[in-house]
């Protein structure tokens, strides 16, 4: 809700063991922006790189410290196309790291645009489907690191990766008494920007304040020509929280059915999945046999959910027949919650409660005039609160 990046950051904090409620204002390193260079030479650069076998574009580190980590030598691939709900156009080209994530996926990194910067995901080696990792390395300032990220590759290794705001640099990772030179890749078509990654064994960084990571963990960047130290990265942030939750989650409670039908995909439905401590609110379409086809993760929350009233942010779905559905989430004492618009009521609206926590509701509206508005009522029909979804609370 709000942007997907804000949601992923909230989900990452929740998965990392955060005990306070996640918010949608966790916009990290917002000031770290730099201009994107002109990309007119991208196609020619990529073609030349592929023709040269990518030898000139990639500086690879030594062999991986533990078994079964790789699929191939790192190389440049084609554009990265995410699922339509991601609301991001194709980015890239993909930098294929050759590091396996589990048995069937591979870590890839790519430059999206001057706002999102360097993103990362895991791509299924057979189907090509990309699942985006939490947060992103961003677009760092000149001579500085962006956000340093880390994941468990599910093959006994730890991968530290990110972006640095300069070309021709040497990035080194020290952990557990060992120093390794990271693989570095200049971002095609973007001047002064380098992607890097390094795979190691040992402890992973834990939740904020945790001492799980090696005490000597340090990531540094130096000028490749002079050897001068340019910057030392901040503590890494785990980027596999959402995927870990998704892959381990179980359904909690009954599905919330909307009765809203897409001609091609079926009925729009919502459901919660997770464990005894936390849950994810999912959205998908139920058509034909089997379970619903997942479309989007709307929210991460602790259990039991805190009754804050309206959650900040809203989601929009396209039914495929011209119908636009606005969706909000509420938790509190109201007996009725409705989705309307700034210029009047919705043509059609509804809501459903989460059977595991009946005071939590998902509500929606179709044919909303103007910007959406949420309204909560008590049993007597009195208004308890309203929201324009820009911030949580009320009602």
Protein backbone atom coordinates (compact mmCIF):
# COMPACT_ATOMS: atom_id res chain seq x y z
CA UNK A 1 0.00 0.00 0.00
CA UNK A 2 1.38 3.37 -0.99
CA UNK A 3 4.30 2.30 -3.19
CA UNK A 4 5.34 -1.33 -3.30
CA UNK A 5 8.86 -0.33 -2.16
CA UNK A 6 7.41 1.11 1.08
CA UNK A 7 5.43 -2.08 1.64
CA UNK A 8 8.51 -4.24 1.05
CA UNK A 9 10.50 -2.19 3.57
CA UNK A 10 7.73 -2.64 6.14
CA UNK A 11 7.59 -6.35 5.39
CA UNK A 12 11.35 -6.66 5.71
CA UNK A 13 11.32 -5.05 9.15
CA UNK A 14 8.46 -7.28 10.27
CA UNK A 15 10.26 -10.39 9.05
CA UNK A 16 13.44 -9.29 10.79
CA UNK A 17 11.77 -9.59 14.19
CA UNK A 18 10.57 -6.08 14.76
CA UNK A 19 8.27 -5.88 17.79
CA UNK A 20 6.68 -2.53 17.00
CA UNK A 21 4.09 -2.12 14.26
CA UNK A 22 5.41 -1.48 10.81
CA UNK A 23 4.43 1.74 9.07
CA UNK A 24 4.35 2.96 5.54
CA UNK A 25 6.61 5.93 6.21
CA UNK A 26 9.79 3.88 6.27
CA UNK A 27 11.37 5.53 3.27
CA UNK A 28 15.05 4.82 3.62
CA UNK A 29 17.86 6.89 2.23
CA UNK A 30 15.45 9.19 0.41
CA UNK A 31 18.17 11.76 -0.06
CA UNK A 32 20.46 9.35 -1.89
CA UNK A 33 19.60 10.28 -5.42
CA UNK A 34 21.80 10.97 -8.39
CA UNK A 35 21.13 11.77 -11.98
CA UNK A 36 20.80 8.95 -14.44
CA UNK A 37 23.19 9.21 -17.36
CA UNK A 38 21.90 9.24 -20.91
CA UNK A 39 21.11 5.66 -21.95
CA UNK A 40 21.40 6.16 -25.66
CA UNK A 41 24.49 3.97 -25.85
CA UNK A 42 22.98 1.11 -23.82
CA UNK A 43 22.07 -1.12 -26.74
CA UNK A 44 25.47 -0.77 -28.36
CA UNK A 45 27.25 -1.33 -25.06
CA UNK A 46 25.24 -4.44 -24.28
CA UNK A 47 25.79 -5.87 -27.76
CA UNK A 48 29.52 -5.29 -27.49
CA UNK A 49 29.59 -6.85 -24.03
CA UNK A 50 27.75 -9.97 -25.15
CA UNK A 51 29.97 -10.29 -28.23
CA UNK A 52 33.04 -10.14 -26.02
CA UNK A 53 31.68 -12.84 -23.76
CA UNK A 54 31.26 -10.18 -21.02
CA UNK A 55 34.90 -10.53 -20.09
CA UNK A 56 35.50 -6.79 -20.23
CA UNK A 57 32.38 -5.88 -18.28
CA UNK A 58 32.77 -8.15 -15.27
CA UNK A 59 35.48 -8.32 -12.65
CA UNK A 60 34.94 -11.63 -10.88
CA UNK A 61 36.17 -12.64 -7.47
CA UNK A 62 37.72 -15.96 -6.50
CA UNK A 63 35.84 -19.23 -6.06
CA UNK A 64 32.89 -19.39 -3.70
CA UNK A 65 33.68 -20.52 -0.15
CA UNK A 66 31.05 -23.27 0.02
CA UNK A 67 29.53 -25.85 -2.32
CA UNK A 68 26.65 -25.62 -4.79
CA UNK A 69 26.38 -21.82 -5.04
CA UNK A 70 26.64 -21.15 -8.75
CA UNK A 71 24.92 -21.76 -12.05
CA UNK A 72 27.45 -20.14 -14.39
CA UNK A 73 29.98 -17.36 -14.79
CA UNK A 74 28.37 -13.96 -14.08
CA UNK A 75 27.10 -12.30 -17.25
CA UNK A 76 24.69 -9.72 -18.63
CA UNK A 77 21.24 -10.91 -19.63
CA UNK A 78 18.19 -9.31 -21.17
CA UNK A 79 15.68 -6.84 -19.71
CA UNK A 80 13.98 -7.71 -16.42
CA UNK A 81 10.19 -7.97 -16.65
CA UNK A 82 8.39 -8.13 -13.32
CA UNK A 83 4.82 -9.21 -12.68
CA UNK A 84 2.25 -6.63 -13.90
CA UNK A 85 1.19 -5.80 -10.32
CA UNK A 86 4.68 -4.48 -9.59
CA UNK A 87 3.82 -1.36 -11.61
CA UNK A 88 7.38 -1.12 -12.91
CA UNK A 89 8.28 -1.22 -16.60
CA UNK A 90 11.02 -3.60 -17.75
CA UNK A 91 14.42 -2.60 -16.37
CA UNK A 92 17.92 -3.82 -16.83
CA UNK A 93 19.68 -5.49 -18.49
CA UNK A 94 19.92 -8.11 -15.78
CA UNK A 95 23.28 -8.81 -14.21
CA UNK A 96 23.20 -12.58 -13.69
CA UNK A 97 25.39 -13.30 -10.68
CA UNK A 98 25.59 -17.07 -11.13
CA UNK A 99 24.61 -17.51 -7.46
CA UNK A 100 21.80 -19.97 -6.85
CA UNK A 101 19.01 -19.11 -4.43
CA UNK A 102 17.80 -22.48 -3.29
CA UNK A 103 17.61 -25.17 -5.95
CA UNK A 104 15.70 -23.44 -8.74
CA UNK A 105 16.34 -19.69 -8.63
CA UNK A 106 19.31 -17.40 -9.31
CA UNK A 107 20.19 -14.01 -7.85
CA UNK A 108 20.04 -11.19 -10.40
CA UNK A 109 20.57 -7.43 -10.05
CA UNK A 110 19.58 -4.63 -12.39
CA UNK A 111 19.32 -0.87 -12.72
CA UNK A 112 15.65 0.14 -12.86
CA UNK A 113 15.61 3.94 -13.17
CA UNK A 114 16.84 7.10 -11.47
CA UNK A 115 14.20 6.84 -8.73
CA UNK A 116 14.39 3.13 -7.84
CA UNK A 117 18.06 2.69 -8.69
CA UNK A 118 19.58 -0.79 -8.36
CA UNK A 119 17.09 -3.55 -7.55
CA UNK A 120 17.55 -7.27 -6.99
CA UNK A 121 15.48 -10.40 -7.32
CA UNK A 122 15.65 -14.14 -7.79
CA UNK A 123 14.82 -15.58 -11.20
CA UNK A 124 13.57 -19.10 -11.76
CA UNK A 125 16.13 -20.75 -14.03
CA UNK A 126 13.47 -22.74 -15.91
CA UNK A 127 10.53 -20.35 -16.21
CA UNK A 128 12.33 -16.99 -16.05
CA UNK A 129 9.86 -15.66 -13.46
CA UNK A 130 11.43 -12.98 -11.25
CA UNK A 131 10.56 -12.49 -7.59
CA UNK A 132 11.81 -9.15 -6.33
CA UNK A 133 13.77 -8.98 -3.07
CA UNK A 134 13.02 -6.49 -0.30
CA UNK A 135 14.22 -2.90 -0.62
CA UNK A 136 16.90 -1.96 -3.12
CA UNK A 137 20.44 -0.64 -3.17
CA UNK A 138 19.16 2.63 -4.60
CA UNK A 139 21.24 5.24 -6.44
CA UNK A 140 24.13 6.13 -4.13
CA UNK A 141 25.82 9.49 -3.94
CA UNK A 142 29.12 9.88 -5.75
CA UNK A 143 31.87 8.02 -3.93
CA UNK A 144 29.45 6.43 -1.44
CA UNK A 145 27.70 3.12 -0.88
CA UNK A 146 23.99 2.76 -1.36
CA UNK A 147 22.03 0.49 0.95
CA UNK A 148 24.04 -2.65 1.71
CA UNK A 149 21.84 -5.74 1.48
CA UNK A 150 22.27 -9.35 2.53
CA UNK A 151 20.50 -12.68 2.05
CA UNK A 152 20.76 -16.34 2.90
CA UNK A 153 21.17 -18.13 -0.45
CA UNK A 154 19.66 -21.35 1.01
CA UNK A 155 22.77 -23.25 -0.08
CA UNK A 156 24.92 -22.63 2.97
CA UNK A 157 26.15 -19.20 1.89
CA UNK A 158 25.60 -15.56 2.78
CA UNK A 159 25.50 -12.98 -0.03
CA UNK A 160 26.31 -9.32 0.62
CA UNK A 161 25.47 -7.04 -2.30
CA UNK A 162 24.71 -3.48 -3.27
CA UNK A 163 25.76 -0.51 -5.38
CA UNK A 164 28.57 2.04 -5.20
CA UNK A 165 28.58 5.54 -6.65
CA UNK A 166 31.73 5.34 -8.77
CA UNK A 167 33.33 3.28 -11.48
CA UNK A 168 36.69 1.51 -11.37
CA UNK A 169 36.50 0.52 -7.70
CA UNK A 170 37.56 -2.48 -5.64
CA UNK A 171 35.00 -3.62 -3.05
CA UNK A 172 36.16 -5.89 -0.24
CA UNK A 173 34.12 -7.81 2.33
CA UNK A 174 35.68 -8.83 5.63
CA UNK A 175 33.86 -11.34 7.85
CA UNK A 176 34.93 -14.06 10.23
CA UNK A 177 38.59 -13.21 9.87
CA UNK A 178 38.57 -13.53 6.08
CA UNK A 179 38.69 -10.74 3.47
CA UNK A 180 37.24 -11.34 0.01
CA UNK A 181 37.21 -9.19 -3.11
CA UNK A 182 33.66 -8.75 -4.33
CA UNK A 183 32.56 -9.20 -7.91
CA UNK A 184 32.01 -5.77 -9.48
CA UNK A 185 30.02 -4.81 -12.58
CA UNK A 186 29.79 -1.30 -14.08
CA UNK A 187 26.13 -0.56 -14.74
CA UNK A 188 25.67 -0.43 -18.53
CA UNK A 189 24.73 3.01 -19.79
CA UNK A 190 24.96 4.67 -16.36
CA UNK A 191 28.19 6.50 -15.61
CA UNK A 192 29.77 6.32 -12.18
CA UNK A 193 27.69 3.43 -10.82
CA UNK A 194 28.92 -0.06 -9.90
CA UNK A 195 27.01 -3.16 -8.78
CA UNK A 196 28.83 -5.59 -6.50
CA UNK A 197 28.27 -8.83 -4.61
CA UNK A 198 30.24 -11.31 -2.54
CA UNK A 199 29.36 -14.76 -1.23
CA UNK A 200 30.72 -16.02 2.08
CA UNK A 201 30.00 -18.48 4.85
CA UNK A 202 29.29 -17.63 8.47
CA UNK A 203 26.65 -15.70 10.37
CA UNK A 204 23.91 -13.60 8.82
CA UNK A 205 23.03 -10.14 10.00
CA UNK A 206 20.01 -10.38 12.29
CA UNK A 207 17.30 -7.91 13.33
CA UNK A 208 18.23 -4.34 14.19
CA UNK A 209 20.41 -4.34 17.30
CA UNK A 210 21.30 -8.01 16.95
CA UNK A 211 24.87 -9.20 17.39
CA UNK A 212 24.40 -12.28 15.18
CA UNK A 213 26.64 -10.99 12.38
CA UNK A 214 30.42 -11.49 12.57
CA UNK A 215 31.86 -8.74 14.79
CA UNK A 216 34.44 -7.89 12.15
CA UNK A 217 31.92 -7.61 9.29
CA UNK A 218 33.01 -4.69 7.10
CA UNK A 219 32.47 -3.74 3.47
CA UNK A 220 34.83 -1.15 1.98
CA UNK A 221 35.41 0.45 -1.41
CA UNK A 222 38.76 1.72 -2.69
CA UNK A 223 39.93 3.43 -5.85
CA UNK A 224 41.17 0.66 -8.16
CA UNK A 225 44.05 2.83 -9.45
CA UNK A 226 45.36 4.46 -6.28
CA UNK A 227 44.11 2.11 -3.59
CA UNK A 228 42.70 5.06 -1.62
CA UNK A 229 39.80 4.16 0.66
CA UNK A 230 36.60 5.80 -0.58
CA UNK A 231 33.88 4.63 1.80
CA UNK A 232 32.85 2.02 4.37
CA UNK A 233 29.31 0.67 4.11
CA UNK A 234 26.79 0.78 6.92
CA UNK A 235 25.41 -2.37 8.54
CA UNK A 236 23.66 -4.53 5.94
CA UNK A 237 19.91 -5.07 5.90
CA UNK A 238 18.33 -8.48 5.21
CA UNK A 239 16.56 -8.52 1.86
CA UNK A 240 15.00 -12.00 1.87
CA UNK A 241 12.40 -11.44 4.59
CA UNK A 242 9.35 -11.31 2.33
CA UNK A 243 10.40 -14.36 0.31
CA UNK A 244 11.08 -16.31 3.50
CA UNK A 245 7.62 -15.43 4.80
CA UNK A 246 5.95 -16.27 1.52
CA UNK A 247 7.70 -19.61 1.19
CA UNK A 248 6.97 -20.69 4.78
CA UNK A 249 3.50 -19.23 5.30
CA UNK A 250 0.29 -21.20 5.94
CA UNK A 251 -3.30 -19.98 5.48
CA UNK A 252 -4.89 -18.39 8.55
CA UNK A 253 -8.67 -18.19 8.63
CA UNK A 254 -11.14 -18.22 5.77
CA UNK A 255 -10.83 -16.44 2.43
CA UNK A 256 -12.58 -13.11 2.04
CA UNK A 257 -14.66 -13.26 -1.12
CA UNK A 258 -15.67 -10.06 -2.86
CA UNK A 259 -18.08 -11.25 -5.55
CA UNK A 260 -16.15 -9.05 -8.00
CA UNK A 261 -15.46 -10.98 -11.17
CA UNK A 262 -12.76 -10.56 -13.77
CA UNK A 263 -13.81 -12.00 -17.15
CA UNK A 264 -10.41 -13.64 -17.59
CA UNK A 265 -9.15 -14.39 -14.08
CA UNK A 266 -12.18 -15.12 -11.90
CA UNK A 267 -13.28 -13.67 -8.56
CA UNK A 268 -11.10 -11.21 -6.62
CA UNK A 269 -10.41 -12.72 -3.18
CA UNK A 270 -8.27 -11.91 -0.15
CA UNK A 271 -6.69 -14.18 2.45
CA UNK A 272 -4.20 -14.11 5.31
CA UNK A 273 -1.24 -16.43 5.70
CA UNK A 274 1.64 -16.62 8.13
CA UNK A 275 2.28 -18.10 11.58
CA UNK A 276 1.40 -17.45 15.22
CA UNK A 277 3.44 -14.23 15.33
CA UNK A 278 2.80 -12.48 12.02
CA UNK A 279 0.72 -12.63 8.87
CA UNK A 280 0.60 -11.37 5.30
CA UNK A 281 -2.58 -10.15 3.63
CA UNK A 282 -2.66 -11.56 0.10
CA UNK A 283 -4.81 -10.81 -2.92
CA UNK A 284 -5.55 -12.99 -5.91
CA UNK A 285 -8.16 -14.28 -8.32
CA UNK A 286 -10.12 -17.49 -7.82
CA UNK A 287 -11.11 -19.14 -11.07
CA UNK A 288 -11.70 -22.74 -12.06
CA UNK A 289 -10.33 -25.49 -9.85
CA UNK A 290 -7.63 -25.26 -7.20
CA UNK A 291 -6.67 -22.31 -5.03
CA UNK A 292 -6.53 -18.65 -5.96
CA UNK A 293 -3.84 -17.32 -8.27
CA UNK A 294 -1.74 -14.95 -6.16
CA UNK A 295 -1.47 -11.38 -7.46
CA UNK A 296 -0.14 -9.14 -4.70
CA UNK A 297 0.90 -8.89 -1.05
CA UNK A 298 -1.06 -6.01 0.48
CA UNK A 299 0.12 -5.87 4.06
CA UNK A 300 2.33 -7.41 6.76
CA UNK A 301 1.19 -7.31 10.37
CA UNK A 302 1.86 -8.81 13.76
CA UNK A 303 -0.61 -11.12 15.49
CA UNK A 304 -2.86 -10.19 17.09
CA UNK A 305 -3.20 -7.07 14.97
CA UNK A 306 -3.17 -3.71 16.71
CA UNK A 307 -6.47 -1.87 16.41
CA UNK A 308 -5.22 1.34 14.82
CA UNK A 309 -8.32 2.05 12.75
CA UNK A 310 -7.53 2.62 9.09
CA UNK A 311 -4.23 1.42 7.68
CA UNK A 312 -2.37 3.97 5.59
CA UNK A 313 -2.28 3.42 1.85
CA UNK A 314 -4.67 1.73 -0.55
CA UNK A 315 -4.50 -0.70 -3.43
CA UNK A 316 -6.07 -0.62 -6.88
CA UNK A 317 -6.98 -3.63 -9.00
CA UNK A 318 -8.10 -3.84 -12.62
CA UNK A 319 -10.84 -6.40 -13.23
CA UNK A 320 -10.02 -6.43 -16.93
CA UNK A 321 -13.45 -5.16 -18.02
CA UNK A 322 -12.81 -1.49 -17.31
CA UNK A 323 -13.75 -1.84 -13.65
CA UNK A 324 -11.26 -0.40 -11.15
CA UNK A 325 -11.39 -1.69 -7.57
CA UNK A 326 -9.99 0.33 -4.65
CA UNK A 327 -9.11 -1.69 -1.54
CA UNK A 328 -8.39 -0.60 2.05
CA UNK A 329 -7.76 -2.28 5.41
CA UNK A 330 -9.22 -1.45 8.84
CA UNK A 331 -8.78 -2.83 12.37
CA UNK A 332 -10.89 -1.52 15.23
CA UNK A 333 -14.30 -1.22 16.89
CA UNK A 334 -16.38 -0.25 13.85
CA UNK A 335 -19.21 -2.57 12.80
CA UNK A 336 -19.29 -1.24 9.21
CA UNK A 337 -16.53 0.11 6.98
CA UNK A 338 -17.19 1.49 3.49
CA UNK A 339 -15.14 2.62 0.51
CA UNK A 340 -16.38 5.75 -1.21
CA UNK A 341 -14.98 8.69 -3.13
CA UNK A 342 -14.31 12.34 -2.53
CA UNK A 343 -17.19 13.19 -4.86
CA UNK A 344 -19.74 10.67 -3.54
CA UNK A 345 -20.44 7.00 -2.88
CA UNK A 346 -19.03 4.13 -4.91
CA UNK A 347 -21.22 2.42 -7.48
CA UNK A 348 -20.62 -0.83 -5.63
CA UNK A 349 -18.86 -1.48 -2.35
CA UNK A 350 -18.37 -4.22 0.20
CA UNK A 351 -16.23 -5.52 3.04
CA UNK A 352 -15.24 -8.76 4.72
CA UNK A 353 -13.85 -9.68 8.14
CA UNK A 354 -10.83 -11.84 8.88
CA UNK A 355 -12.25 -14.92 10.60
CA UNK A 356 -9.14 -15.29 12.79
CA UNK A 357 -9.46 -11.68 14.01
CA UNK A 358 -13.03 -10.49 13.30
CA UNK A 359 -12.33 -6.84 14.17
CA UNK A 360 -10.04 -6.63 11.16
CA UNK A 361 -11.71 -5.85 7.86
CA UNK A 362 -10.79 -5.60 4.20
CA UNK A 363 -13.10 -3.24 2.30
CA UNK A 364 -13.44 -2.26 -1.34
CA UNK A 365 -15.32 -0.14 -3.83
CA UNK A 366 -15.92 -0.10 -7.59
CA UNK A 367 -16.84 3.01 -9.53
CA UNK A 368 -15.31 5.35 -6.95
CA UNK A 369 -15.82 9.01 -7.96
CA UNK A 370 -12.59 10.94 -7.54
CA UNK A 371 -9.98 9.91 -5.01
CA UNK A 372 -11.05 7.10 -2.65
CA UNK A 373 -12.19 7.75 0.91
CA UNK A 374 -12.84 5.28 3.73
CA UNK A 375 -15.56 5.73 6.36
CA UNK A 376 -16.17 3.66 9.53
CA UNK A 377 -19.50 3.44 11.44
CA UNK A 378 -20.67 2.07 14.77
CA UNK A 379 -23.72 -0.17 15.19
CA UNK A 380 -26.03 2.86 15.37
CA UNK A 381 -24.75 4.25 12.07
CA UNK A 382 -22.68 7.02 13.61
CA UNK A 383 -19.46 7.94 11.83
CA UNK A 384 -16.43 6.92 13.85
CA UNK A 385 -13.76 8.14 11.45
CA UNK A 386 -12.73 8.81 7.88
CA UNK A 387 -9.50 8.46 5.91
CA UNK A 388 -7.94 9.54 2.66
CA UNK A 389 -5.36 6.74 3.15
CA UNK A 390 -2.39 9.09 3.33
CA UNK A 391 -1.64 8.01 6.91
CA UNK A 392 -2.84 5.35 9.35
CA UNK A 393 -5.33 5.91 12.16
CA UNK A 394 -8.82 7.29 12.64
CA UNK A 395 -12.02 5.42 13.24
